């Protein structure tokens, strides 16, 4: 089976799912879920993502993510790779945690952001885990309606602004909108070619703006963050080489290979340095 096409461009909106290998659980307890959310927070910040909604189930998770910097695949490699390492270390196991690559569906933001956000937070209700979305702790719903503090990495204004100008009114209307979705049919009737959620005009627009490069399509566009300094500029700021390597990696702009070439190191050596520093941060 061929790998699904990855379509990446500045400002793209995705519904992302990733499942456990052989459909086994990826979250064994609440500590695992907290560990995953900490990793998600780091990825959102580092890769400049906008996370509009999320829901952590037992053997999979859902994210609604917007990428101002056209970097979905890079961020997902970091998110799933980092969580696999920390989960395996915590549970004293080795091997794959996730079932292959993540699934990313490109979404027509103007038409489906609201429907998609509702679909995601209603997953626990849909399978009978809870009766109402506010009963479920591990989704974005309670933060959106003001029942719990909003994490710094969760973007709420984009959704709420479509329900009113006053936050309290918008939260009440959003809550009503979500509850009205209980029992309604799913949104996947508009899914095209397994990667587009939108009508035929949306699919046509996406295909016209793309140029194929391997199995990824990337359109460079205006970035929300300022261009990063060069690796040479970063290296000049640090006495210790490993500090400079970690700083270059932390920009999110440079691959292991680019960093290795600058410092005349083997690719694996850069990986070991980064992993060591990340472990030190955790401890």
C-alpha atoms as a PDB file:
ATOM      1  CA  UNK A   1       0.000   0.000   0.000  1.00  0.00           C
ATOM      2  CA  UNK A   2       1.334   3.440  -0.902  1.00  0.00           C
ATOM      3  CA  UNK A   3       1.847   5.986   1.821  1.00  0.00           C
ATOM      4  CA  UNK A   4      -0.825   8.704   1.941  1.00  0.00           C
ATOM      5  CA  UNK A   5       0.113  12.032   0.447  1.00  0.00           C
ATOM      6  CA  UNK A   6       1.190  14.684   2.937  1.00  0.00           C
ATOM      7  CA  UNK A   7      -0.101  18.103   1.929  1.00  0.00           C
ATOM      8  CA  UNK A   8       1.567  20.931   3.809  1.00  0.00           C
ATOM      9  CA  UNK A   9       1.220  24.658   3.343  1.00  0.00           C
ATOM     10  CA  UNK A  10       1.170  27.760   5.491  1.00  0.00           C
ATOM     11  CA  UNK A  11      -2.141  28.051   7.353  1.00  0.00           C
ATOM     12  CA  UNK A  12      -3.368  24.504   6.669  1.00  0.00           C
ATOM     13  CA  UNK A  13      -5.888  22.964   9.097  1.00  0.00           C
ATOM     14  CA  UNK A  14      -5.792  19.237   9.893  1.00  0.00           C
ATOM     15  CA  UNK A  15      -7.670  16.574  11.758  1.00  0.00           C
ATOM     16  CA  UNK A  16      -4.967  14.273  13.100  1.00  0.00           C
ATOM     17  CA  UNK A  17      -5.352  10.804  14.549  1.00  0.00           C
ATOM     18  CA  UNK A  18      -2.743   8.319  15.667  1.00  0.00           C
ATOM     19  CA  UNK A  19      -3.540   4.814  16.933  1.00  0.00           C
ATOM     20  CA  UNK A  20      -1.724   2.293  19.046  1.00  0.00           C
ATOM     21  CA  UNK A  21       0.145  -0.554  17.384  1.00  0.00           C
ATOM     22  CA  UNK A  22      -2.254  -3.471  16.866  1.00  0.00           C
ATOM     23  CA  UNK A  23      -4.904  -1.095  18.314  1.00  0.00           C
ATOM     24  CA  UNK A  24      -3.433  -1.533  21.784  1.00  0.00           C
ATOM     25  CA  UNK A  25      -3.685   1.215  24.390  1.00  0.00           C
ATOM     26  CA  UNK A  26      -1.260   4.111  24.140  1.00  0.00           C
ATOM     27  CA  UNK A  27      -2.440   5.595  27.447  1.00  0.00           C
ATOM     28  CA  UNK A  28      -2.376   3.196  30.386  1.00  0.00           C
ATOM     29  CA  UNK A  29      -3.245   5.749  33.065  1.00  0.00           C
ATOM     30  CA  UNK A  30      -3.683   9.459  33.719  1.00  0.00           C
ATOM     31  CA  UNK A  31       0.056   9.948  34.177  1.00  0.00           C
ATOM     32  CA  UNK A  32       0.515   8.810  30.576  1.00  0.00           C
ATOM     33  CA  UNK A  33      -2.083  11.325  29.416  1.00  0.00           C
ATOM     34  CA  UNK A  34      -0.411  14.134  31.336  1.00  0.00           C
ATOM     35  CA  UNK A  35       2.942  13.107  29.862  1.00  0.00           C
ATOM     36  CA  UNK A  36       1.482  13.249  26.353  1.00  0.00           C
ATOM     37  CA  UNK A  37      -0.062  16.689  26.937  1.00  0.00           C
ATOM     38  CA  UNK A  38       3.281  18.012  28.179  1.00  0.00           C
ATOM     39  CA  UNK A  39       4.860  16.780  24.957  1.00  0.00           C
ATOM     40  CA  UNK A  40       2.043  18.293  22.909  1.00  0.00           C
ATOM     41  CA  UNK A  41       2.588  21.643  24.652  1.00  0.00           C
ATOM     42  CA  UNK A  42       6.274  21.538  23.709  1.00  0.00           C
ATOM     43  CA  UNK A  43       5.555  20.674  20.080  1.00  0.00           C
ATOM     44  CA  UNK A  44       2.872  23.361  19.736  1.00  0.00           C
ATOM     45  CA  UNK A  45       5.303  25.976  21.019  1.00  0.00           C
ATOM     46  CA  UNK A  46       8.333  24.791  19.091  1.00  0.00           C
ATOM     47  CA  UNK A  47       6.588  24.340  15.752  1.00  0.00           C
ATOM     48  CA  UNK A  48       4.323  27.367  16.053  1.00  0.00           C
ATOM     49  CA  UNK A  49       1.122  25.306  15.819  1.00  0.00           C
ATOM     50  CA  UNK A  50      -2.392  26.386  16.709  1.00  0.00           C
ATOM     51  CA  UNK A  51      -4.169  23.550  18.514  1.00  0.00           C
ATOM     52  CA  UNK A  52      -7.924  24.193  18.350  1.00  0.00           C
ATOM     53  CA  UNK A  53      -9.192  20.951  19.893  1.00  0.00           C
ATOM     54  CA  UNK A  54      -8.023  17.594  21.219  1.00  0.00           C
ATOM     55  CA  UNK A  55      -9.304  14.382  22.745  1.00  0.00           C
ATOM     56  CA  UNK A  56      -7.253  11.558  24.256  1.00  0.00           C
ATOM     57  CA  UNK A  57      -8.940   8.159  24.106  1.00  0.00           C
ATOM     58  CA  UNK A  58      -7.407   4.877  25.255  1.00  0.00           C
ATOM     59  CA  UNK A  59      -5.776   3.545  22.105  1.00  0.00           C
ATOM     60  CA  UNK A  60      -5.701   6.709  20.001  1.00  0.00           C
ATOM     61  CA  UNK A  61      -5.947  10.475  20.085  1.00  0.00           C
ATOM     62  CA  UNK A  62      -7.521  13.262  18.032  1.00  0.00           C
ATOM     63  CA  UNK A  63      -6.061  16.710  17.355  1.00  0.00           C
ATOM     64  CA  UNK A  64      -7.345  19.683  15.364  1.00  0.00           C
ATOM     65  CA  UNK A  65      -4.199  21.588  14.416  1.00  0.00           C
ATOM     66  CA  UNK A  66      -3.430  24.583  12.224  1.00  0.00           C
ATOM     67  CA  UNK A  67       0.125  25.022  10.921  1.00  0.00           C
ATOM     68  CA  UNK A  68       1.162  28.622  10.101  1.00  0.00           C
ATOM     69  CA  UNK A  69       4.633  27.339   9.167  1.00  0.00           C
ATOM     70  CA  UNK A  70       3.759  24.356   6.924  1.00  0.00           C
ATOM     71  CA  UNK A  71       5.491  21.830   9.187  1.00  0.00           C
ATOM     72  CA  UNK A  72       2.951  19.155  10.119  1.00  0.00           C
ATOM     73  CA  UNK A  73       5.171  16.126   9.462  1.00  0.00           C
ATOM     74  CA  UNK A  74       8.135  17.526  11.404  1.00  0.00           C
ATOM     75  CA  UNK A  75       5.978  18.268  14.409  1.00  0.00           C
ATOM     76  CA  UNK A  76       4.249  14.902  14.338  1.00  0.00           C
ATOM     77  CA  UNK A  77       7.551  13.033  14.169  1.00  0.00           C
ATOM     78  CA  UNK A  78       8.604  14.926  17.274  1.00  0.00           C
ATOM     79  CA  UNK A  79       5.295  14.403  19.098  1.00  0.00           C
ATOM     80  CA  UNK A  80       4.903  10.672  18.491  1.00  0.00           C
ATOM     81  CA  UNK A  81       8.624   9.951  18.744  1.00  0.00           C
ATOM     82  CA  UNK A  82       9.013  11.800  22.009  1.00  0.00           C
ATOM     83  CA  UNK A  83       5.937  10.176  23.546  1.00  0.00           C
ATOM     84  CA  UNK A  84       7.015   6.691  22.413  1.00  0.00           C
ATOM     85  CA  UNK A  85      10.413   7.123  24.094  1.00  0.00           C
ATOM     86  CA  UNK A  86       9.038   8.453  27.368  1.00  0.00           C
ATOM     87  CA  UNK A  87       6.215   5.888  27.480  1.00  0.00           C
ATOM     88  CA  UNK A  88       8.545   2.967  26.752  1.00  0.00           C
ATOM     89  CA  UNK A  89      10.969   4.200  29.384  1.00  0.00           C
ATOM     90  CA  UNK A  90       8.224   4.610  31.980  1.00  0.00           C
ATOM     91  CA  UNK A  91       6.691   1.185  31.329  1.00  0.00           C
ATOM     92  CA  UNK A  92      10.058  -0.561  30.771  1.00  0.00           C
ATOM     93  CA  UNK A  93       9.384  -1.800  27.253  1.00  0.00           C
ATOM     94  CA  UNK A  94      10.812  -1.373  23.756  1.00  0.00           C
ATOM     95  CA  UNK A  95       9.467  -1.214  20.227  1.00  0.00           C
ATOM     96  CA  UNK A  96       6.718   0.592  18.379  1.00  0.00           C
ATOM     97  CA  UNK A  97       3.896   2.243  20.275  1.00  0.00           C
ATOM     98  CA  UNK A  98       1.947   3.687  17.340  1.00  0.00           C
ATOM     99  CA  UNK A  99       0.448   1.906  14.346  1.00  0.00           C
ATOM    100  CA  UNK A 100       2.514   3.273  11.488  1.00  0.00           C
ATOM    101  CA  UNK A 101       2.275   6.897  10.459  1.00  0.00           C
ATOM    102  CA  UNK A 102      -0.297   9.291  11.798  1.00  0.00           C
ATOM    103  CA  UNK A 103      -3.383  10.049   9.715  1.00  0.00           C
ATOM    104  CA  UNK A 104      -3.746  13.703   8.734  1.00  0.00           C
ATOM    105  CA  UNK A 105      -6.865  14.973   6.964  1.00  0.00           C
ATOM    106  CA  UNK A 106      -6.728  18.399   5.337  1.00  0.00           C
ATOM    107  CA  UNK A 107      -9.783  20.398   6.391  1.00  0.00           C
ATOM    108  CA  UNK A 108     -11.674  23.304   4.827  1.00  0.00           C
ATOM    109  CA  UNK A 109     -11.407  25.649   7.798  1.00  0.00           C
ATOM    110  CA  UNK A 110     -14.232  27.963   6.752  1.00  0.00           C
ATOM    111  CA  UNK A 111     -16.737  25.136   6.424  1.00  0.00           C
ATOM    112  CA  UNK A 112     -15.665  22.435   8.866  1.00  0.00           C
ATOM    113  CA  UNK A 113     -13.694  23.810  11.817  1.00  0.00           C
ATOM    114  CA  UNK A 114     -16.791  23.994  14.007  1.00  0.00           C
ATOM    115  CA  UNK A 115     -18.153  20.593  12.987  1.00  0.00           C
ATOM    116  CA  UNK A 116     -14.762  18.989  13.424  1.00  0.00           C
ATOM    117  CA  UNK A 117     -14.185  20.487  16.866  1.00  0.00           C
ATOM    118  CA  UNK A 118     -17.569  19.138  17.929  1.00  0.00           C
ATOM    119  CA  UNK A 119     -16.866  15.706  16.477  1.00  0.00           C
ATOM    120  CA  UNK A 120     -13.549  15.440  18.328  1.00  0.00           C
ATOM    121  CA  UNK A 121     -14.824  16.269  21.819  1.00  0.00           C
ATOM    122  CA  UNK A 122     -17.904  14.043  21.395  1.00  0.00           C
ATOM    123  CA  UNK A 123     -15.844  10.883  20.844  1.00  0.00           C
ATOM    124  CA  UNK A 124     -16.123   9.691  24.481  1.00  0.00           C
ATOM    125  CA  UNK A 125     -19.892  10.275  24.351  1.00  0.00           C
ATOM    126  CA  UNK A 126     -20.245   8.494  21.026  1.00  0.00           C
ATOM    127  CA  UNK A 127     -18.706   5.251  22.321  1.00  0.00           C
ATOM    128  CA  UNK A 128     -20.541   5.338  25.652  1.00  0.00           C
ATOM    129  CA  UNK A 129     -17.668   6.218  27.981  1.00  0.00           C
ATOM    130  CA  UNK A 130     -19.630   9.207  29.337  1.00  0.00           C
ATOM    131  CA  UNK A 131     -23.065  10.706  28.777  1.00  0.00           C
ATOM    132  CA  UNK A 132     -21.966  14.316  28.293  1.00  0.00           C
ATOM    133  CA  UNK A 133     -18.690  15.878  27.076  1.00  0.00           C
ATOM    134  CA  UNK A 134     -18.142  17.794  30.340  1.00  0.00           C
ATOM    135  CA  UNK A 135     -17.825  14.471  32.179  1.00  0.00           C
ATOM    136  CA  UNK A 136     -14.684  13.620  30.218  1.00  0.00           C
ATOM    137  CA  UNK A 137     -11.479  15.105  31.593  1.00  0.00           C
ATOM    138  CA  UNK A 138      -9.161  14.446  28.656  1.00  0.00           C
ATOM    139  CA  UNK A 139     -10.512  16.671  25.911  1.00  0.00           C
ATOM    140  CA  UNK A 140     -10.504  20.391  25.150  1.00  0.00           C
ATOM    141  CA  UNK A 141     -14.234  20.789  25.819  1.00  0.00           C
ATOM    142  CA  UNK A 142     -14.076  21.805  29.482  1.00  0.00           C
ATOM    143  CA  UNK A 143     -11.409  24.430  28.820  1.00  0.00           C
ATOM    144  CA  UNK A 144     -13.429  25.864  25.915  1.00  0.00           C
ATOM    145  CA  UNK A 145     -16.560  26.320  28.044  1.00  0.00           C
ATOM    146  CA  UNK A 146     -14.656  27.784  31.001  1.00  0.00           C
ATOM    147  CA  UNK A 147     -14.963  24.874  33.430  1.00  0.00           C
ATOM    148  CA  UNK A 148     -11.176  24.428  33.692  1.00  0.00           C
ATOM    149  CA  UNK A 149      -8.218  26.764  33.037  1.00  0.00           C
ATOM    150  CA  UNK A 150      -7.155  27.045  29.401  1.00  0.00           C
ATOM    151  CA  UNK A 151      -3.671  25.560  28.788  1.00  0.00           C
ATOM    152  CA  UNK A 152      -1.289  28.103  27.281  1.00  0.00           C
ATOM    153  CA  UNK A 153      -0.902  25.903  24.184  1.00  0.00           C
ATOM    154  CA  UNK A 154      -4.642  25.552  23.443  1.00  0.00           C
ATOM    155  CA  UNK A 155      -6.107  28.122  21.033  1.00  0.00           C
ATOM    156  CA  UNK A 156      -9.688  28.959  22.044  1.00  0.00           C
ATOM    157  CA  UNK A 157     -10.508  32.352  20.544  1.00  0.00           C
ATOM    158  CA  UNK A 158     -10.704  31.083  16.973  1.00  0.00           C
ATOM    159  CA  UNK A 159     -13.587  28.775  17.833  1.00  0.00           C
ATOM    160  CA  UNK A 160     -15.330  30.915  20.426  1.00  0.00           C
ATOM    161  CA  UNK A 161     -15.295  34.054  18.269  1.00  0.00           C
ATOM    162  CA  UNK A 162     -17.699  32.314  15.900  1.00  0.00           C
ATOM    163  CA  UNK A 163     -20.288  32.145  18.678  1.00  0.00           C
ATOM    164  CA  UNK A 164     -20.183  35.726  19.926  1.00  0.00           C
ATOM    165  CA  UNK A 165     -18.013  38.662  20.967  1.00  0.00           C
ATOM    166  CA  UNK A 166     -18.427  38.228  24.732  1.00  0.00           C
ATOM    167  CA  UNK A 167     -16.548  35.202  26.038  1.00  0.00           C
ATOM    168  CA  UNK A 168     -19.298  34.083  28.409  1.00  0.00           C
ATOM    169  CA  UNK A 169     -21.947  34.231  25.674  1.00  0.00           C
ATOM    170  CA  UNK A 170     -19.686  32.449  23.199  1.00  0.00           C
ATOM    171  CA  UNK A 171     -18.905  29.675  25.699  1.00  0.00           C
ATOM    172  CA  UNK A 172     -22.598  29.110  26.397  1.00  0.00           C
ATOM    173  CA  UNK A 173     -23.447  28.954  22.685  1.00  0.00           C
ATOM    174  CA  UNK A 174     -20.495  26.701  21.946  1.00  0.00           C
ATOM    175  CA  UNK A 175     -21.642  24.323  24.694  1.00  0.00           C
ATOM    176  CA  UNK A 176     -25.145  24.249  23.209  1.00  0.00           C
ATOM    177  CA  UNK A 177     -23.695  23.611  19.750  1.00  0.00           C
ATOM    178  CA  UNK A 178     -21.660  20.641  21.003  1.00  0.00           C
ATOM    179  CA  UNK A 179     -24.592  19.100  22.868  1.00  0.00           C
ATOM    180  CA  UNK A 180     -26.791  19.449  19.796  1.00  0.00           C
ATOM    181  CA  UNK A 181     -24.321  17.207  17.976  1.00  0.00           C
ATOM    182  CA  UNK A 182     -24.944  14.219  20.235  1.00  0.00           C
ATOM    183  CA  UNK A 183     -26.581  11.530  18.131  1.00  0.00           C
ATOM    184  CA  UNK A 184     -26.115  13.374  14.828  1.00  0.00           C
ATOM    185  CA  UNK A 185     -24.467  11.654  11.904  1.00  0.00           C
ATOM    186  CA  UNK A 186     -20.714  11.980  11.538  1.00  0.00           C
ATOM    187  CA  UNK A 187     -19.033  14.531   9.306  1.00  0.00           C
ATOM    188  CA  UNK A 188     -17.118  12.102   7.105  1.00  0.00           C
ATOM    189  CA  UNK A 189     -19.632  12.131   4.251  1.00  0.00           C
ATOM    190  CA  UNK A 190     -17.673  15.020   2.756  1.00  0.00           C
ATOM    191  CA  UNK A 191     -14.324  13.214   2.966  1.00  0.00           C
ATOM    192  CA  UNK A 192     -12.608  12.922  -0.425  1.00  0.00           C
ATOM    193  CA  UNK A 193      -9.725  10.596  -1.309  1.00  0.00           C
ATOM    194  CA  UNK A 194      -9.169   9.932   2.412  1.00  0.00           C
ATOM    195  CA  UNK A 195      -7.271  13.222   2.847  1.00  0.00           C
ATOM    196  CA  UNK A 196      -9.659  16.122   2.112  1.00  0.00           C
ATOM    197  CA  UNK A 197     -12.576  17.214   4.300  1.00  0.00           C
ATOM    198  CA  UNK A 198     -14.463  19.695   2.162  1.00  0.00           C
ATOM    199  CA  UNK A 199     -16.468  19.990  -1.017  1.00  0.00           C
ATOM    200  CA  UNK A 200     -15.200  19.423  -4.542  1.00  0.00           C
ATOM    201  CA  UNK A 201     -14.285  23.094  -4.961  1.00  0.00           C
ATOM    202  CA  UNK A 202     -12.054  22.874  -1.889  1.00  0.00           C
ATOM    203  CA  UNK A 203     -10.342  19.741  -3.216  1.00  0.00           C
ATOM    204  CA  UNK A 204      -9.788  21.395  -6.588  1.00  0.00           C
ATOM    205  CA  UNK A 205      -8.323  24.532  -4.986  1.00  0.00           C
ATOM    206  CA  UNK A 206      -5.938  22.483  -2.879  1.00  0.00           C
ATOM    207  CA  UNK A 207      -4.734  20.431  -5.826  1.00  0.00           C
ATOM    208  CA  UNK A 208      -4.176  23.491  -8.004  1.00  0.00           C
ATOM    209  CA  UNK A 209      -1.985  25.271  -5.474  1.00  0.00           C
ATOM    210  CA  UNK A 210       0.301  22.296  -4.880  1.00  0.00           C
ATOM    211  CA  UNK A 211       3.508  21.141  -6.523  1.00  0.00           C
ATOM    212  CA  UNK A 212       4.440  17.552  -5.839  1.00  0.00           C
ATOM    213  CA  UNK A 213       7.832  16.895  -4.198  1.00  0.00           C
ATOM    214  CA  UNK A 214       8.221  13.217  -3.423  1.00  0.00           C
ATOM    215  CA  UNK A 215       5.324  12.191  -1.236  1.00  0.00           C
ATOM    216  CA  UNK A 216       4.952  15.650   0.337  1.00  0.00           C
ATOM    217  CA  UNK A 217       3.506  18.865  -1.002  1.00  0.00           C
ATOM    218  CA  UNK A 218       4.865  22.000   0.585  1.00  0.00           C
ATOM    219  CA  UNK A 219       4.036  25.574  -0.246  1.00  0.00           C
ATOM    220  CA  UNK A 220       6.318  28.054   1.529  1.00  0.00           C
ATOM    221  CA  UNK A 221       4.379  31.068   2.789  1.00  0.00           C
ATOM    222  CA  UNK A 222       4.479  33.957   5.199  1.00  0.00           C
ATOM    223  CA  UNK A 223       5.627  32.721   8.558  1.00  0.00           C
ATOM    224  CA  UNK A 224       4.093  33.881  11.817  1.00  0.00           C
ATOM    225  CA  UNK A 225       7.454  33.649  13.619  1.00  0.00           C
ATOM    226  CA  UNK A 226      10.534  35.597  12.614  1.00  0.00           C
ATOM    227  CA  UNK A 227      13.181  33.759  10.507  1.00  0.00           C
ATOM    228  CA  UNK A 228      15.556  31.859  12.814  1.00  0.00           C
ATOM    229  CA  UNK A 229      19.229  32.845  13.130  1.00  0.00           C
ATOM    230  CA  UNK A 230      21.738  30.762  11.177  1.00  0.00           C
ATOM    231  CA  UNK A 231      23.468  27.862  12.907  1.00  0.00           C
ATOM    232  CA  UNK A 232      26.695  29.877  12.788  1.00  0.00           C
ATOM    233  CA  UNK A 233      25.015  32.769  14.610  1.00  0.00           C
ATOM    234  CA  UNK A 234      23.654  30.372  17.213  1.00  0.00           C
ATOM    235  CA  UNK A 235      27.056  28.704  17.684  1.00  0.00           C
ATOM    236  CA  UNK A 236      28.694  32.090  18.319  1.00  0.00           C
ATOM    237  CA  UNK A 237      26.455  32.640  21.340  1.00  0.00           C
ATOM    238  CA  UNK A 238      27.529  29.482  23.187  1.00  0.00           C
ATOM    239  CA  UNK A 239      30.815  28.344  24.673  1.00  0.00           C
ATOM    240  CA  UNK A 240      29.779  24.692  24.894  1.00  0.00           C
ATOM    241  CA  UNK A 241      29.171  22.936  21.595  1.00  0.00           C
ATOM    242  CA  UNK A 242      26.317  20.819  22.966  1.00  0.00           C
ATOM    243  CA  UNK A 243      24.511  23.933  24.194  1.00  0.00           C
ATOM    244  CA  UNK A 244      24.705  25.366  20.691  1.00  0.00           C
ATOM    245  CA  UNK A 245      23.457  22.107  19.173  1.00  0.00           C
ATOM    246  CA  UNK A 246      20.438  22.051  21.475  1.00  0.00           C
ATOM    247  CA  UNK A 247      19.711  25.728  20.767  1.00  0.00           C
ATOM    248  CA  UNK A 248      19.819  25.121  17.002  1.00  0.00           C
ATOM    249  CA  UNK A 249      17.548  22.092  17.357  1.00  0.00           C
ATOM    250  CA  UNK A 250      15.124  24.058  19.559  1.00  0.00           C
ATOM    251  CA  UNK A 251      14.466  26.600  16.798  1.00  0.00           C
ATOM    252  CA  UNK A 252      12.577  23.910  14.890  1.00  0.00           C
ATOM    253  CA  UNK A 253      14.240  25.134  11.690  1.00  0.00           C
ATOM    254  CA  UNK A 254      17.195  22.754  11.398  1.00  0.00           C
ATOM    255  CA  UNK A 255      17.315  18.999  10.917  1.00  0.00           C
ATOM    256  CA  UNK A 256      19.762  16.648  12.623  1.00  0.00           C
ATOM    257  CA  UNK A 257      21.614  16.401   9.310  1.00  0.00           C
ATOM    258  CA  UNK A 258      22.031  20.183   8.948  1.00  0.00           C
ATOM    259  CA  UNK A 259      23.272  20.476  12.523  1.00  0.00           C
ATOM    260  CA  UNK A 260      25.611  17.495  12.113  1.00  0.00           C
ATOM    261  CA  UNK A 261      27.121  18.934   8.935  1.00  0.00           C
ATOM    262  CA  UNK A 262      27.830  22.293  10.567  1.00  0.00           C
ATOM    263  CA  UNK A 263      29.504  20.803  13.657  1.00  0.00           C
ATOM    264  CA  UNK A 264      31.252  18.016  11.662  1.00  0.00           C
ATOM    265  CA  UNK A 265      29.519  15.287  13.642  1.00  0.00           C
ATOM    266  CA  UNK A 266      27.847  12.017  12.780  1.00  0.00           C
ATOM    267  CA  UNK A 267      24.053  12.203  12.498  1.00  0.00           C
ATOM    268  CA  UNK A 268      23.626   9.756  15.383  1.00  0.00           C
ATOM    269  CA  UNK A 269      25.848  11.889  17.619  1.00  0.00           C
ATOM    270  CA  UNK A 270      23.536  14.868  17.250  1.00  0.00           C
ATOM    271  CA  UNK A 271      20.568  12.650  18.099  1.00  0.00           C
ATOM    272  CA  UNK A 272      22.282  11.388  21.250  1.00  0.00           C
ATOM    273  CA  UNK A 273      23.119  14.928  22.373  1.00  0.00           C
ATOM    274  CA  UNK A 274      19.542  16.139  21.861  1.00  0.00           C
ATOM    275  CA  UNK A 275      18.019  13.119  23.621  1.00  0.00           C
ATOM    276  CA  UNK A 276      20.414  13.489  26.531  1.00  0.00           C
ATOM    277  CA  UNK A 277      19.523  17.156  26.988  1.00  0.00           C
ATOM    278  CA  UNK A 278      15.787  16.413  26.768  1.00  0.00           C
ATOM    279  CA  UNK A 279      16.142  13.705  29.428  1.00  0.00           C
ATOM    280  CA  UNK A 280      17.969  16.185  31.646  1.00  0.00           C
ATOM    281  CA  UNK A 281      15.069  18.606  31.264  1.00  0.00           C
ATOM    282  CA  UNK A 282      12.575  15.940  32.308  1.00  0.00           C
ATOM    283  CA  UNK A 283      14.643  15.036  35.376  1.00  0.00           C
END
